[in-house]
Amino acid sequence: MARYLGMRLLQAVWVLWATFTVSFVVLYLLPADPVAIAADGGAGNSPVDAAAIEELRARYGLDKPLRQQYLDALWNALHGDFGRSVATGQPVTSAIADVLPSTLGLTAFALVVALAGGIAVAVAASSTRLPRLRTALLALPPIAVAVPTFWTGLLLLQVFSFRLHLAPAFGGSGLRGTVLPAVTLALPIGAVLAQVLAAGFAGTWKQPFTAVALAKGASRGRVQWRHVTRPAAVPALTIAGVLVGTMLAGSVVVETVFARPGLGRLTQTSVLAQDIPVVQGIVLVTALVFVVVNLAVDLLYPLLDPRIVTAGGERAGKAVEEVAARG
């Protein structure tokens, strides 16, 4: 287990370094000048002195060769310093820390809703003996995946905020202000989980050990809980870990639609202003969350299915993919 954990930590470090390098190259090779954009301040303003712009470039280190900028930024990032916002002058870590709790809370709530809804649909479809009901239940996830997230958010706003007045329309806080954004964010994620879990249930029910358990007199519900759920949940757990990054990316749309302060809104404003340090800091924080969640998922594999081994440093995810393919 120590070797397995060490391999995962090395992979996590490599992923974070690759994310930093790729984001740096892409962002710093943009043709636009973020300092000039920040100094302009909008249309109709008087032209800014060129010497002042050069001074700002020197302050942010943008006058150095690209290689030196990369090395300086990497060294500072290793010490938790992502620089300062070109647009506001605020430290990037402070700007992200101000909005990150709101987005993480929304994402965690949405993940709980997605898991509850996806598991409920999959279990209901697997347990029912009515073919028409099973078909109807299995048709729900593809519909939820196909509906655009922004359209779902606008529909929920129209029904529950403007007509029923059950939740605030924009910028709400607390439980009432989080329910609608969380449901909007959770619907496509829960739909994917339901599809994967339902396929896992269907494949596991065909295994010989379920027939043996039923032949010994175990009820269908007991077999579902004790013998089917754990192995069938492994592919869904893998997908859940991957979808965390999707949920963080989806927060950009959701927080924009519901006018919520958070990482998504900060991303939107920073991209529009081409605030390179803030955008790169957001990319790295998102990658860090993604890596931590997937590391936790990897450590949970053996608890769900002891057949998944990690000897020789072999990635457990390969075994999971094989199980999913057979299902």
Protein backbone atom coordinates (compact mmCIF):
# COMPACT_ATOMS: atom_id res chain seq x y z
CA MET A 1 0.00 0.00 0.00
CA ALA A 2 2.91 2.36 0.73
CA ARG A 3 4.34 1.75 -2.73
CA TYR A 4 0.92 2.21 -4.31
CA LEU A 5 0.39 5.49 -2.47
CA GLY A 6 3.87 6.66 -3.44
CA MET A 7 3.17 5.97 -7.11
CA ARG A 8 -0.08 7.89 -6.92
CA LEU A 9 1.63 10.87 -5.28
CA LEU A 10 4.30 10.91 -7.99
CA GLN A 11 1.60 10.82 -10.65
CA ALA A 12 -0.19 13.68 -8.89
CA VAL A 13 2.98 15.79 -8.88
CA TRP A 14 3.55 15.06 -12.55
CA VAL A 15 -0.04 16.02 -13.43
CA LEU A 16 0.25 19.31 -11.54
CA TRP A 17 3.57 20.15 -13.19
CA ALA A 18 2.19 19.32 -16.65
CA THR A 19 -0.89 21.43 -15.95
CA PHE A 20 1.24 24.37 -14.87
CA THR A 21 3.51 24.10 -17.91
CA VAL A 22 0.76 23.75 -20.49
CA SER A 23 -1.33 26.56 -18.98
CA PHE A 24 1.73 28.83 -18.81
CA VAL A 25 2.65 28.25 -22.46
CA VAL A 26 -0.91 28.69 -23.70
CA LEU A 27 -1.68 31.80 -21.63
CA TYR A 28 1.60 33.62 -22.00
CA LEU A 29 1.71 33.11 -25.77
CA LEU A 30 -1.62 34.89 -26.28
CA PRO A 31 -1.23 37.77 -28.75
CA ALA A 32 -3.02 40.29 -26.50
CA ASP A 33 -1.22 42.31 -23.82
CA PRO A 34 -2.94 41.97 -20.39
CA VAL A 35 -1.07 44.98 -18.98
CA ALA A 36 -2.24 47.21 -21.84
CA ILE A 37 -5.81 45.94 -21.38
CA ALA A 38 -5.73 46.64 -17.64
CA ALA A 39 -4.15 50.07 -18.13
CA ASP A 40 -6.68 51.09 -20.78
CA GLY A 41 -9.60 50.80 -18.35
CA GLY A 42 -12.26 50.92 -21.06
CA ALA A 43 -13.21 52.90 -24.12
CA GLY A 44 -13.09 56.68 -24.05
CA ASN A 45 -10.22 56.99 -21.60
CA SER A 46 -7.16 59.03 -22.45
CA PRO A 47 -4.20 57.04 -23.79
CA VAL A 48 -1.88 55.68 -21.13
CA ASP A 49 1.75 56.73 -21.24
CA ALA A 50 3.94 54.03 -22.81
CA ALA A 51 6.51 54.42 -20.03
CA ALA A 52 3.85 53.65 -17.43
CA ILE A 53 2.87 50.48 -19.33
CA GLU A 54 6.52 49.38 -19.46
CA GLU A 55 6.79 50.00 -15.73
CA LEU A 56 3.76 47.78 -15.13
CA ARG A 57 5.26 45.06 -17.33
CA ALA A 58 8.47 45.21 -15.30
CA ARG A 59 6.47 45.04 -12.05
CA TYR A 60 4.74 41.85 -13.16
CA GLY A 61 7.91 40.39 -14.71
CA LEU A 62 6.46 40.41 -18.21
CA ASP A 63 9.51 42.18 -19.63
CA LYS A 64 11.73 39.14 -19.02
CA PRO A 65 12.38 36.35 -21.57
CA LEU A 66 9.68 33.70 -21.62
CA ARG A 67 12.01 31.04 -20.19
CA GLN A 68 12.88 33.23 -17.21
CA GLN A 69 9.22 34.06 -16.66
CA TYR A 70 8.42 30.33 -16.59
CA LEU A 71 11.17 29.49 -14.10
CA ASP A 72 10.23 32.40 -11.83
CA ALA A 73 6.54 31.51 -11.96
CA LEU A 74 7.25 27.83 -11.26
CA TRP A 75 9.48 28.65 -8.30
CA ASN A 76 6.90 31.02 -6.86
CA ALA A 77 4.10 28.50 -7.41
CA LEU A 78 6.06 25.89 -5.46
CA HIS A 79 5.94 28.33 -2.54
CA GLY A 80 2.20 28.98 -2.95
CA ASP A 81 2.65 32.34 -4.66
CA PHE A 82 0.81 32.73 -7.97
CA GLY A 83 1.57 36.41 -8.32
CA ARG A 84 -0.83 39.33 -8.39
CA SER A 85 -3.86 40.04 -10.51
CA VAL A 86 -3.01 42.32 -13.42
CA ALA A 87 -6.50 43.80 -13.33
CA THR A 88 -6.87 44.48 -9.60
CA GLY A 89 -3.42 44.09 -8.07
CA GLN A 90 -4.81 41.65 -5.49
CA PRO A 91 -2.73 38.54 -4.72
CA VAL A 92 -4.02 35.62 -6.76
CA THR A 93 -4.13 33.31 -3.74
CA SER A 94 -6.31 35.82 -1.88
CA ALA A 95 -8.64 36.28 -4.85
CA ILE A 96 -9.12 32.52 -5.19
CA ALA A 97 -9.41 31.95 -1.43
CA ASP A 98 -12.23 34.51 -1.24
CA VAL A 99 -14.45 32.64 -3.72
CA LEU A 100 -13.28 29.01 -3.45
CA PRO A 101 -15.39 28.07 -0.38
CA SER A 102 -18.59 29.10 -2.16
CA THR A 103 -17.78 27.00 -5.24
CA LEU A 104 -16.60 23.98 -3.24
CA GLY A 105 -19.78 24.12 -1.16
CA LEU A 106 -21.91 24.27 -4.29
CA THR A 107 -19.96 21.44 -5.92
CA ALA A 108 -20.15 19.22 -2.82
CA PHE A 109 -23.90 19.79 -2.52
CA ALA A 110 -24.35 19.09 -6.23
CA LEU A 111 -22.28 15.90 -5.96
CA VAL A 112 -24.49 14.64 -3.11
CA VAL A 113 -27.61 15.38 -5.17
CA ALA A 114 -26.08 13.70 -8.24
CA LEU A 115 -25.12 10.58 -6.28
CA ALA A 116 -28.52 10.33 -4.60
CA GLY A 117 -30.44 10.82 -7.84
CA GLY A 118 -28.20 8.59 -9.95
CA ILE A 119 -28.20 5.75 -7.42
CA ALA A 120 -31.98 5.98 -6.96
CA VAL A 121 -32.69 5.77 -10.69
CA ALA A 122 -30.21 2.93 -11.25
CA VAL A 123 -31.44 0.88 -8.28
CA ALA A 124 -35.09 1.41 -9.25
CA ALA A 125 -34.42 0.35 -12.83
CA SER A 126 -32.47 -2.69 -11.66
CA SER A 127 -35.00 -3.76 -9.03
CA THR A 128 -38.28 -3.40 -10.92
CA ARG A 129 -39.70 -6.36 -12.79
CA LEU A 130 -41.94 -4.22 -14.97
CA PRO A 131 -40.30 -3.87 -18.42
CA ARG A 132 -42.09 -0.64 -19.28
CA LEU A 133 -41.12 1.02 -15.99
CA ARG A 134 -37.52 -0.13 -16.44
CA THR A 135 -37.44 1.29 -19.96
CA ALA A 136 -38.90 4.60 -18.77
CA LEU A 137 -36.38 4.87 -15.93
CA LEU A 138 -33.44 4.07 -18.20
CA ALA A 139 -34.64 6.72 -20.66
CA LEU A 140 -34.33 9.51 -18.08
CA PRO A 141 -30.49 9.72 -17.90
CA PRO A 142 -29.94 10.25 -21.67
CA ILE A 143 -32.54 13.03 -21.62
CA ALA A 144 -30.85 14.74 -18.66
CA VAL A 145 -27.45 14.51 -20.36
CA ALA A 146 -28.78 15.98 -23.60
CA VAL A 147 -30.37 19.06 -22.00
CA PRO A 148 -27.94 22.04 -21.87
CA THR A 149 -27.00 23.16 -18.37
CA PHE A 150 -27.85 26.82 -18.95
CA TRP A 151 -31.33 25.88 -20.23
CA THR A 152 -31.95 23.79 -17.10
CA GLY A 153 -30.90 26.69 -14.91
CA LEU A 154 -33.15 29.15 -16.72
CA LEU A 155 -36.09 26.72 -16.52
CA LEU A 156 -35.62 26.22 -12.77
CA LEU A 157 -35.39 29.98 -12.30
CA GLN A 158 -38.60 30.53 -14.25
CA VAL A 159 -40.57 27.90 -12.32
CA PHE A 160 -39.25 28.01 -8.75
CA SER A 161 -38.10 31.64 -8.49
CA PHE A 162 -40.31 33.78 -10.70
CA ARG A 163 -43.56 31.79 -10.47
CA LEU A 164 -43.52 29.87 -7.19
CA HIS A 165 -41.16 32.24 -5.32
CA LEU A 166 -39.60 29.32 -3.45
CA ALA A 167 -35.97 30.32 -4.01
CA PRO A 168 -34.09 33.55 -4.71
CA ALA A 169 -33.48 34.20 -8.37
CA PHE A 170 -29.96 35.64 -8.23
CA GLY A 171 -27.08 35.78 -5.79
CA GLY A 172 -28.81 33.79 -3.05
CA SER A 173 -26.98 32.30 -0.09
CA GLY A 174 -27.68 29.53 2.38
CA LEU A 175 -29.69 26.44 1.58
CA ARG A 176 -32.48 28.26 -0.32
CA GLY A 177 -29.97 30.02 -2.51
CA THR A 178 -27.94 26.87 -3.22
CA VAL A 179 -30.63 24.32 -4.06
CA LEU A 180 -31.39 25.47 -7.61
CA PRO A 181 -27.75 25.92 -8.69
CA ALA A 182 -26.86 22.55 -7.14
CA VAL A 183 -29.70 20.76 -8.94
CA THR A 184 -28.72 22.43 -12.22
CA LEU A 185 -25.14 21.31 -11.80
CA ALA A 186 -26.10 17.83 -10.57
CA LEU A 187 -28.56 16.78 -13.29
CA PRO A 188 -26.09 15.86 -16.08
CA ILE A 189 -23.61 14.37 -13.58
CA GLY A 190 -26.28 12.25 -11.89
CA ALA A 191 -27.52 11.12 -15.29
CA VAL A 192 -24.08 9.83 -16.29
CA LEU A 193 -23.70 8.07 -12.95
CA ALA A 194 -27.13 6.47 -13.36
CA GLN A 195 -26.21 5.17 -16.82
CA VAL A 196 -22.91 3.67 -15.66
CA LEU A 197 -24.38 2.22 -12.47
CA ALA A 198 -27.37 0.72 -14.26
CA ALA A 199 -25.04 -0.94 -16.77
CA GLY A 200 -22.95 -2.25 -13.86
CA PHE A 201 -26.03 -3.65 -12.15
CA ALA A 202 -27.19 -5.35 -15.34
CA GLY A 203 -23.80 -6.95 -15.92
CA THR A 204 -23.33 -8.05 -12.32
CA TRP A 205 -26.79 -9.65 -12.14
CA LYS A 206 -25.67 -11.95 -14.97
CA GLN A 207 -22.71 -13.27 -12.97
CA PRO A 208 -22.93 -16.83 -11.60
CA PHE A 209 -22.52 -15.79 -7.95
CA THR A 210 -25.86 -13.93 -8.00
CA ALA A 211 -27.64 -17.07 -9.20
CA VAL A 212 -25.95 -19.06 -6.44
CA ALA A 213 -27.03 -16.51 -3.82
CA LEU A 214 -30.63 -16.62 -5.05
CA ALA A 215 -30.56 -20.43 -5.11
CA LYS A 216 -29.49 -20.46 -1.46
CA GLY A 217 -32.67 -18.60 -0.55
CA ALA A 218 -31.44 -15.01 -0.34
CA SER A 219 -34.02 -12.42 -1.26
CA ARG A 220 -33.54 -10.29 -4.35
CA GLY A 221 -33.09 -7.18 -2.21
CA ARG A 222 -30.38 -8.85 -0.11
CA VAL A 223 -28.55 -10.03 -3.23
CA GLN A 224 -28.80 -6.52 -4.67
CA TRP A 225 -27.27 -4.96 -1.56
CA ARG A 226 -24.74 -7.61 -0.49
CA HIS A 227 -23.54 -9.09 -3.79
CA VAL A 228 -24.40 -6.75 -6.67
CA THR A 229 -23.94 -3.19 -5.45
CA ARG A 230 -20.26 -3.29 -4.45
CA PRO A 231 -18.74 -4.67 -7.68
CA ALA A 232 -21.19 -2.71 -9.82
CA ALA A 233 -20.27 0.54 -8.05
CA VAL A 234 -16.59 0.42 -9.06
CA PRO A 235 -17.05 1.87 -12.59
CA ALA A 236 -19.47 4.47 -11.21
CA LEU A 237 -16.92 5.48 -8.59
CA THR A 238 -14.34 5.96 -11.32
CA ILE A 239 -16.72 8.15 -13.30
CA ALA A 240 -17.62 10.12 -10.17
CA GLY A 241 -13.97 10.98 -9.61
CA VAL A 242 -13.53 12.12 -13.19
CA LEU A 243 -16.74 14.15 -13.14
CA VAL A 244 -15.55 16.32 -10.25
CA GLY A 245 -13.48 18.28 -12.76
CA THR A 246 -16.52 18.54 -14.99
CA MET A 247 -18.55 19.95 -12.11
CA LEU A 248 -15.93 22.59 -11.38
CA ALA A 249 -15.93 23.54 -15.05
CA GLY A 250 -19.74 23.58 -15.08
CA SER A 251 -19.74 26.00 -12.17
CA VAL A 252 -18.73 28.74 -14.64
CA VAL A 253 -22.09 28.44 -16.40
CA VAL A 254 -24.15 27.83 -13.27
CA GLU A 255 -22.67 30.71 -11.27
CA THR A 256 -23.14 33.00 -14.25
CA VAL A 257 -26.80 32.04 -14.70
CA PHE A 258 -27.59 32.39 -10.98
CA ALA A 259 -25.27 35.39 -10.43
CA ARG A 260 -23.46 33.62 -7.60
CA PRO A 261 -20.00 34.71 -6.48
CA GLY A 262 -17.54 31.88 -6.87
CA LEU A 263 -14.68 30.38 -8.82
CA GLY A 264 -16.79 30.27 -11.97
CA ARG A 265 -17.58 33.97 -11.91
CA LEU A 266 -13.94 34.77 -11.15
CA THR A 267 -12.89 32.63 -14.12
CA GLN A 268 -15.30 34.45 -16.41
CA THR A 269 -14.15 37.93 -15.42
CA SER A 270 -10.47 36.95 -15.49
CA VAL A 271 -10.73 35.43 -18.97
CA LEU A 272 -12.53 38.49 -20.30
CA ALA A 273 -9.82 40.73 -18.82
CA GLN A 274 -7.07 38.29 -19.89
CA ASP A 275 -5.79 38.35 -16.32
CA ILE A 276 -3.16 35.65 -16.87
CA PRO A 277 -1.97 35.11 -13.27
CA VAL A 278 -5.52 34.64 -11.97
CA VAL A 279 -6.51 32.30 -14.81
CA GLN A 280 -3.43 30.17 -14.29
CA GLY A 281 -4.01 30.07 -10.53
CA ILE A 282 -7.59 28.88 -11.12
CA VAL A 283 -6.37 26.18 -13.52
CA LEU A 284 -3.87 24.91 -10.95
CA VAL A 285 -6.37 24.93 -8.08
CA THR A 286 -8.86 23.02 -10.21
CA ALA A 287 -6.18 20.50 -11.17
CA LEU A 288 -5.24 20.10 -7.50
CA VAL A 289 -8.84 19.37 -6.50
CA PHE A 290 -9.16 16.91 -9.37
CA VAL A 291 -5.94 15.11 -8.39
CA VAL A 292 -6.89 14.86 -4.71
CA VAL A 293 -10.36 13.50 -5.48
CA ASN A 294 -9.04 10.90 -7.91
CA LEU A 295 -6.35 9.86 -5.42
CA ALA A 296 -9.09 9.28 -2.85
CA VAL A 297 -11.05 7.27 -5.44
CA ASP A 298 -8.02 5.10 -6.18
CA LEU A 299 -7.64 4.32 -2.48
CA LEU A 300 -11.32 3.29 -2.26
CA TYR A 301 -11.10 0.69 -5.04
CA PRO A 302 -9.85 -2.23 -2.91
CA LEU A 303 -12.57 -1.56 -0.33
CA LEU A 304 -15.30 -2.03 -2.94
CA ASP A 305 -13.76 -4.92 -4.84
CA PRO A 306 -10.83 -6.93 -3.38
CA ARG A 307 -10.11 -8.33 -6.86
CA ILE A 308 -8.59 -4.96 -7.77
CA VAL A 309 -4.94 -5.26 -6.78
CA THR A 310 -2.06 -2.83 -6.99
CA ALA A 311 0.95 -5.15 -7.04
CA GLY A 312 3.87 -3.99 -9.11
CA GLY A 313 2.58 -0.43 -9.24
CA GLU A 314 -0.05 -1.39 -11.83
CA ARG A 315 -2.71 1.23 -12.09
CA ALA A 316 -5.95 0.12 -10.48
CA GLY A 317 -7.90 2.14 -13.00
CA LYS A 318 -6.97 -0.37 -15.74
CA ALA A 319 -8.68 -3.12 -13.80
CA VAL A 320 -11.69 -0.87 -13.36
CA GLU A 321 -11.88 -0.23 -17.09
CA GLU A 322 -11.78 -3.98 -17.77
CA VAL A 323 -14.59 -4.56 -15.28
CA ALA A 324 -16.64 -1.77 -16.88
CA ALA A 325 -16.02 -3.18 -20.38
CA ARG A 326 -17.15 -6.65 -19.35
CA GLY A 327 -20.26 -5.09 -17.79
